[in-house]
N, C-alpha and C. Protein backbone atom coordinates (compact mmCIF):
# COMPACT_ATOMS: atom_id res chain seq x y z
N MET A 1 92.43 -124.30 -89.45
CA MET A 1 93.60 -123.45 -89.61
C MET A 1 94.38 -123.81 -90.83
N LYS A 2 94.54 -125.13 -91.11
CA LYS A 2 95.30 -125.57 -92.24
C LYS A 2 94.57 -125.18 -93.53
N LYS A 3 93.23 -125.17 -93.50
CA LYS A 3 92.48 -124.78 -94.69
C LYS A 3 92.76 -123.31 -95.04
N ASN A 4 92.89 -122.44 -94.05
CA ASN A 4 93.12 -121.02 -94.29
C ASN A 4 94.46 -120.84 -94.95
N TYR A 5 95.50 -121.53 -94.45
CA TYR A 5 96.81 -121.46 -95.11
C TYR A 5 96.73 -121.97 -96.54
N PHE A 6 96.06 -123.04 -96.78
CA PHE A 6 95.94 -123.61 -98.10
C PHE A 6 95.28 -122.62 -99.04
N TYR A 7 94.17 -122.02 -98.61
CA TYR A 7 93.45 -121.08 -99.46
C TYR A 7 94.27 -119.79 -99.70
N SER A 8 94.99 -119.34 -98.71
CA SER A 8 95.81 -118.15 -98.88
C SER A 8 96.98 -118.41 -99.85
N ILE A 9 97.56 -119.60 -99.79
CA ILE A 9 98.63 -119.95 -100.71
C ILE A 9 98.07 -120.12 -102.11
N LEU A 10 96.92 -120.71 -102.24
CA LEU A 10 96.27 -120.87 -103.50
C LEU A 10 95.95 -119.54 -104.15
N LEU A 11 95.42 -118.63 -103.40
CA LEU A 11 95.11 -117.26 -103.90
C LEU A 11 96.37 -116.52 -104.29
N THR A 12 97.44 -116.66 -103.53
CA THR A 12 98.70 -115.99 -103.85
C THR A 12 99.25 -116.50 -105.17
N VAL A 13 99.25 -117.83 -105.38
CA VAL A 13 99.72 -118.41 -106.63
C VAL A 13 98.84 -117.91 -107.79
N PHE A 14 97.54 -117.85 -107.61
CA PHE A 14 96.60 -117.45 -108.62
C PHE A 14 96.88 -115.99 -109.06
N PHE A 15 97.04 -115.08 -108.07
CA PHE A 15 97.32 -113.71 -108.37
C PHE A 15 98.68 -113.48 -109.01
N CYS A 16 99.64 -114.25 -108.59
CA CYS A 16 100.98 -114.14 -109.22
C CYS A 16 100.93 -114.59 -110.66
N SER A 17 100.22 -115.64 -110.97
CA SER A 17 100.13 -116.08 -112.35
C SER A 17 99.36 -115.08 -113.22
N LEU A 18 98.35 -114.42 -112.65
CA LEU A 18 97.64 -113.36 -113.37
C LEU A 18 98.55 -112.20 -113.66
N SER A 19 99.39 -111.84 -112.72
CA SER A 19 100.28 -110.69 -112.92
C SER A 19 101.35 -111.02 -113.96
N LEU A 20 101.83 -112.27 -113.99
CA LEU A 20 102.80 -112.64 -115.01
C LEU A 20 102.19 -112.65 -116.40
N LYS A 21 100.96 -113.14 -116.50
CA LYS A 21 100.27 -113.10 -117.81
C LYS A 21 100.07 -111.70 -118.27
N ALA A 22 99.73 -110.79 -117.39
CA ALA A 22 99.51 -109.39 -117.75
C ALA A 22 100.79 -108.75 -118.22
N GLN A 23 101.90 -109.07 -117.61
CA GLN A 23 103.18 -108.54 -118.07
C GLN A 23 103.57 -109.08 -119.44
N GLU A 24 103.32 -110.36 -119.70
CA GLU A 24 103.58 -110.93 -121.03
C GLU A 24 102.73 -110.27 -122.10
N ASN A 25 101.43 -110.08 -121.78
CA ASN A 25 100.56 -109.45 -122.76
C ASN A 25 100.97 -108.03 -123.03
N LYS A 26 101.44 -107.33 -122.03
CA LYS A 26 101.89 -105.94 -122.19
C LYS A 26 103.06 -105.89 -123.14
N GLN A 27 104.00 -106.84 -122.98
CA GLN A 27 105.22 -106.86 -123.81
C GLN A 27 104.86 -107.19 -125.26
N GLN A 28 103.84 -108.04 -125.46
CA GLN A 28 103.47 -108.45 -126.82
C GLN A 28 102.39 -107.56 -127.40
N ALA A 29 101.96 -106.54 -126.72
CA ALA A 29 100.83 -105.73 -127.13
C ALA A 29 101.13 -104.91 -128.39
N ASN A 30 102.38 -104.52 -128.59
CA ASN A 30 102.71 -103.66 -129.75
C ASN A 30 103.81 -104.33 -130.58
N PRO A 31 103.43 -105.25 -131.46
CA PRO A 31 104.45 -105.97 -132.26
C PRO A 31 105.10 -105.03 -133.31
N ASN A 32 104.44 -103.88 -133.61
CA ASN A 32 105.04 -102.97 -134.64
C ASN A 32 106.05 -102.00 -134.05
N ALA A 33 106.24 -102.06 -132.75
CA ALA A 33 107.22 -101.15 -132.11
C ALA A 33 108.64 -101.48 -132.60
N PRO A 34 109.46 -100.46 -132.79
CA PRO A 34 110.82 -100.74 -133.26
C PRO A 34 111.60 -101.53 -132.27
N SER A 35 112.43 -102.43 -132.76
CA SER A 35 113.24 -103.25 -131.83
C SER A 35 114.59 -102.55 -131.61
N VAL A 36 115.34 -103.03 -130.68
CA VAL A 36 116.64 -102.45 -130.38
C VAL A 36 117.65 -102.93 -131.42
N ILE A 37 118.67 -102.15 -131.57
CA ILE A 37 119.73 -102.45 -132.58
C ILE A 37 120.70 -103.47 -131.95
N GLU A 38 120.85 -104.59 -132.65
CA GLU A 38 121.75 -105.63 -132.14
C GLU A 38 123.21 -105.25 -132.31
N GLY A 39 123.96 -105.53 -131.26
CA GLY A 39 125.42 -105.26 -131.34
C GLY A 39 125.82 -103.85 -131.45
N LEU A 40 125.03 -102.92 -130.95
CA LEU A 40 125.35 -101.46 -131.05
C LEU A 40 126.55 -101.13 -130.17
N ASN A 41 127.53 -100.45 -130.79
CA ASN A 41 128.72 -99.99 -130.09
C ASN A 41 128.91 -98.51 -130.41
N LEU A 42 128.99 -97.68 -129.39
CA LEU A 42 129.16 -96.24 -129.55
C LEU A 42 130.40 -95.87 -128.76
N TYR A 43 131.46 -95.50 -129.43
CA TYR A 43 132.72 -95.19 -128.74
C TYR A 43 133.50 -94.15 -129.45
N PRO A 44 134.41 -93.40 -128.88
CA PRO A 44 134.60 -93.26 -127.43
C PRO A 44 133.49 -92.37 -126.86
N ASN A 45 133.12 -92.61 -125.66
CA ASN A 45 132.15 -91.80 -124.98
C ASN A 45 132.62 -91.62 -123.55
N PRO A 46 133.12 -90.49 -123.16
CA PRO A 46 133.00 -89.18 -123.75
C PRO A 46 133.94 -88.99 -124.92
N VAL A 47 133.55 -88.12 -125.83
CA VAL A 47 134.28 -87.83 -127.08
C VAL A 47 135.28 -86.69 -126.84
N ASN A 48 136.54 -86.95 -127.12
CA ASN A 48 137.59 -85.90 -126.98
C ASN A 48 138.12 -85.47 -128.31
N THR A 49 137.98 -86.31 -129.33
CA THR A 49 138.64 -86.08 -130.61
C THR A 49 137.76 -85.42 -131.68
N GLY A 50 136.48 -85.29 -131.41
CA GLY A 50 135.54 -84.73 -132.43
C GLY A 50 134.98 -85.81 -133.31
N LYS A 51 135.34 -87.03 -133.10
CA LYS A 51 134.81 -88.17 -133.89
C LYS A 51 134.33 -89.24 -132.96
N VAL A 52 133.15 -89.76 -133.32
CA VAL A 52 132.56 -90.86 -132.54
C VAL A 52 132.32 -91.99 -133.55
N TYR A 53 132.54 -93.21 -133.12
CA TYR A 53 132.40 -94.37 -133.99
C TYR A 53 131.19 -95.18 -133.56
N ILE A 54 130.34 -95.50 -134.53
CA ILE A 54 129.11 -96.22 -134.27
C ILE A 54 129.12 -97.49 -135.10
N SER A 55 129.12 -98.66 -134.45
CA SER A 55 129.13 -99.90 -135.16
C SER A 55 127.99 -100.77 -134.67
N THR A 56 127.44 -101.59 -135.57
CA THR A 56 126.35 -102.51 -135.20
C THR A 56 126.66 -103.86 -135.81
N LYS A 57 125.83 -104.82 -135.46
CA LYS A 57 125.98 -106.16 -135.99
C LYS A 57 125.81 -106.18 -137.50
N ASN A 58 124.86 -105.47 -138.03
CA ASN A 58 124.59 -105.43 -139.48
C ASN A 58 125.45 -104.42 -140.21
N ASP A 59 125.89 -103.34 -139.54
CA ASP A 59 126.66 -102.29 -140.17
C ASP A 59 125.98 -101.74 -141.41
N GLY A 60 124.69 -101.59 -141.37
CA GLY A 60 123.94 -101.00 -142.47
C GLY A 60 123.92 -99.47 -142.37
N GLU A 61 123.23 -98.83 -143.29
CA GLU A 61 123.12 -97.37 -143.26
C GLU A 61 122.26 -96.97 -142.06
N LYS A 62 122.72 -95.98 -141.35
CA LYS A 62 122.07 -95.52 -140.12
C LYS A 62 121.62 -94.08 -140.25
N GLU A 63 120.51 -93.73 -139.68
CA GLU A 63 120.09 -92.33 -139.54
C GLU A 63 120.43 -91.90 -138.13
N ILE A 64 121.22 -90.82 -138.02
CA ILE A 64 121.66 -90.32 -136.72
C ILE A 64 120.97 -88.98 -136.46
N ILE A 65 120.38 -88.89 -135.30
CA ILE A 65 119.82 -87.61 -134.86
C ILE A 65 120.35 -87.33 -133.47
N ILE A 66 120.89 -86.13 -133.29
CA ILE A 66 121.45 -85.73 -131.99
C ILE A 66 120.66 -84.55 -131.45
N PHE A 67 120.27 -84.67 -130.18
CA PHE A 67 119.48 -83.63 -129.51
C PHE A 67 120.30 -83.10 -128.29
N ASP A 68 120.10 -81.83 -128.00
CA ASP A 68 120.70 -81.33 -126.74
C ASP A 68 119.73 -81.70 -125.60
N LEU A 69 120.09 -81.33 -124.39
CA LEU A 69 119.29 -81.77 -123.27
C LEU A 69 117.95 -81.04 -123.16
N LEU A 70 117.76 -79.98 -123.90
CA LEU A 70 116.51 -79.28 -123.96
C LEU A 70 115.59 -79.87 -125.01
N GLY A 71 116.10 -80.84 -125.72
CA GLY A 71 115.26 -81.50 -126.79
C GLY A 71 115.39 -80.90 -128.14
N LYS A 72 116.23 -79.90 -128.30
CA LYS A 72 116.43 -79.26 -129.59
C LYS A 72 117.34 -80.12 -130.46
N GLN A 73 116.90 -80.39 -131.71
CA GLN A 73 117.72 -81.17 -132.64
C GLN A 73 118.91 -80.33 -133.10
N VAL A 74 120.11 -80.86 -132.89
CA VAL A 74 121.32 -80.11 -133.26
C VAL A 74 122.05 -80.73 -134.44
N LEU A 75 121.74 -81.98 -134.77
CA LEU A 75 122.41 -82.67 -135.92
C LEU A 75 121.52 -83.82 -136.38
N GLN A 76 121.41 -83.88 -137.69
CA GLN A 76 120.73 -85.04 -138.30
C GLN A 76 121.50 -85.42 -139.58
N THR A 77 121.83 -86.70 -139.71
CA THR A 77 122.57 -87.14 -140.85
C THR A 77 122.36 -88.61 -141.10
N LYS A 78 122.72 -89.04 -142.30
CA LYS A 78 122.75 -90.49 -142.63
C LYS A 78 124.19 -90.89 -142.60
N LEU A 79 124.44 -92.10 -142.10
CA LEU A 79 125.79 -92.56 -141.87
C LEU A 79 125.91 -93.93 -142.51
N SER A 80 126.82 -94.08 -143.47
CA SER A 80 127.05 -95.39 -144.05
C SER A 80 128.35 -96.01 -143.59
N SER A 81 129.23 -95.21 -142.98
CA SER A 81 130.45 -95.76 -142.43
C SER A 81 130.29 -95.77 -140.90
N LYS A 82 131.37 -96.01 -140.20
CA LYS A 82 131.29 -96.07 -138.73
C LYS A 82 131.62 -94.73 -138.08
N GLU A 83 132.23 -93.79 -138.81
CA GLU A 83 132.77 -92.58 -138.24
C GLU A 83 131.77 -91.41 -138.39
N LEU A 84 131.48 -90.74 -137.27
CA LEU A 84 130.58 -89.59 -137.25
C LEU A 84 131.36 -88.39 -136.72
N ASN A 85 131.38 -87.30 -137.46
CA ASN A 85 132.11 -86.11 -137.09
C ASN A 85 131.19 -85.24 -136.24
N VAL A 86 131.57 -85.04 -134.95
CA VAL A 86 130.80 -84.19 -134.04
C VAL A 86 131.63 -83.03 -133.54
N SER A 87 132.65 -82.63 -134.32
CA SER A 87 133.54 -81.56 -133.87
C SER A 87 132.88 -80.18 -133.88
N ASN A 88 131.75 -80.03 -134.64
CA ASN A 88 131.09 -78.74 -134.66
C ASN A 88 130.09 -78.58 -133.51
N LEU A 89 129.93 -79.56 -132.64
CA LEU A 89 129.07 -79.49 -131.46
C LEU A 89 129.89 -78.97 -130.28
N THR A 90 129.26 -78.08 -129.51
CA THR A 90 129.94 -77.57 -128.31
C THR A 90 129.99 -78.64 -127.23
N PRO A 91 130.98 -78.54 -126.35
CA PRO A 91 131.05 -79.55 -125.28
C PRO A 91 129.82 -79.54 -124.44
N GLY A 92 129.39 -80.76 -124.05
CA GLY A 92 128.20 -80.89 -123.25
C GLY A 92 127.65 -82.29 -123.33
N VAL A 93 126.44 -82.43 -122.81
CA VAL A 93 125.74 -83.72 -122.84
C VAL A 93 124.61 -83.70 -123.88
N TYR A 94 124.56 -84.76 -124.67
CA TYR A 94 123.58 -84.86 -125.78
C TYR A 94 122.89 -86.20 -125.72
N ILE A 95 121.77 -86.29 -126.43
CA ILE A 95 121.08 -87.53 -126.61
C ILE A 95 121.24 -87.88 -128.10
N ILE A 96 121.70 -89.12 -128.38
CA ILE A 96 121.87 -89.54 -129.75
C ILE A 96 120.86 -90.67 -130.04
N LYS A 97 120.11 -90.49 -131.12
CA LYS A 97 119.13 -91.47 -131.55
C LYS A 97 119.64 -92.09 -132.83
N ILE A 98 119.71 -93.40 -132.86
CA ILE A 98 120.27 -94.12 -133.99
C ILE A 98 119.16 -95.03 -134.57
N ASN A 99 118.86 -94.87 -135.84
CA ASN A 99 117.89 -95.72 -136.55
C ASN A 99 118.59 -96.53 -137.61
N GLU A 100 118.39 -97.84 -137.59
CA GLU A 100 118.96 -98.73 -138.59
C GLU A 100 117.90 -99.77 -138.95
N ASP A 101 117.50 -99.79 -140.19
CA ASP A 101 116.41 -100.64 -140.65
C ASP A 101 115.16 -100.28 -139.86
N ASN A 102 114.58 -101.23 -139.17
CA ASN A 102 113.38 -100.96 -138.33
C ASN A 102 113.75 -100.94 -136.87
N SER A 103 115.00 -100.77 -136.55
CA SER A 103 115.43 -100.79 -135.17
C SER A 103 115.92 -99.43 -134.72
N THR A 104 115.73 -99.14 -133.44
CA THR A 104 116.06 -97.82 -132.92
C THR A 104 116.79 -97.98 -131.57
N ALA A 105 117.74 -97.09 -131.34
CA ALA A 105 118.44 -97.05 -130.06
C ALA A 105 118.68 -95.61 -129.69
N THR A 106 118.64 -95.34 -128.42
CA THR A 106 118.90 -93.99 -127.89
C THR A 106 119.94 -94.11 -126.77
N ARG A 107 120.99 -93.24 -126.87
CA ARG A 107 122.07 -93.24 -125.90
C ARG A 107 122.40 -91.83 -125.47
N LYS A 108 123.12 -91.71 -124.37
CA LYS A 108 123.64 -90.44 -123.94
C LYS A 108 125.04 -90.31 -124.55
N LEU A 109 125.33 -89.10 -125.05
CA LEU A 109 126.60 -88.80 -125.70
C LEU A 109 127.23 -87.57 -125.00
N ILE A 110 128.47 -87.78 -124.53
CA ILE A 110 129.14 -86.67 -123.84
C ILE A 110 130.29 -86.18 -124.71
N ILE A 111 130.33 -84.86 -124.97
CA ILE A 111 131.36 -84.28 -125.79
C ILE A 111 132.17 -83.34 -124.94
N ARG A 112 133.49 -83.54 -124.92
CA ARG A 112 134.36 -82.69 -124.06
C ARG A 112 135.11 -81.71 -124.94
């Protein structure tokens, strides 16, 4: 009986270690994938004033693409400052994609 417990514990540890290795390999499988933007701040959200401020750790030039919920691109611009004018967008929910250097981030943007 003790042998059965020993073998079942041994098999459980073995399968857990295999699953952890598979997860590590999956995360390292695509080293060319864009990384997340460090220190990304998007405020205010929801937007009431028609202006949204986007700051990052590097504060480099950013490419901004905004999509509506149907996936239609409604705005694309390059941004070198922190302030983005969204006053020409109708109130609703949007998806904002921010590219800075080789890093990418996607957030939900609400305009009132």
